Amino acid sequence: MIDHIGIGAGDFEASRRFYEAALAPLGMTVMMEITPEMSGGYHGLGLGKDGKPFFWLSSGGARGSGMHVAFAAATRAEVDAFYAAAMAAGGRDNGAPGIRAHYHPNYYGAFVLDPDGINVEAVCHKPE
């Protein structure tokens, strides 16, 4: 079981705007922020839900070449909303919302590239 995951951003503020907008339709918000003043240099933003940050964005440059992160969506409508929000926040299309039957018949996902080119997905495994 994974407790949390973190990625580095080449442009922290651009990535912050992207993730805050793209993950809001999935019910995720900023749960915690560690400022450079608190840490002596590191800037970290913990996004999550139900009081637990589990996705961390940090300063220090893009380190995610080839990285893929998939977020669970409760409904297909959440996947659609994630995609729309991510695209509006500067994401680049990497696969519009739809069924990916090669994974399984109910795999409904959408893929976008974040400001650093990280492949970010929202997926719902439930039938309509």
Foldseek 3Di string as FASTA:
>chain_A
DAQADEWEAQDQVLLVLLCQQLCVLQVKHFLDWQPCVNVVHKTKTFIDDPNGGHYIYIYDHGDAVVAEEEAEHADLVSQQSSQVRNVVSPWAFPAHWDAPCVVPRQWTKGWTAGPVGYIYMYTYRDHD
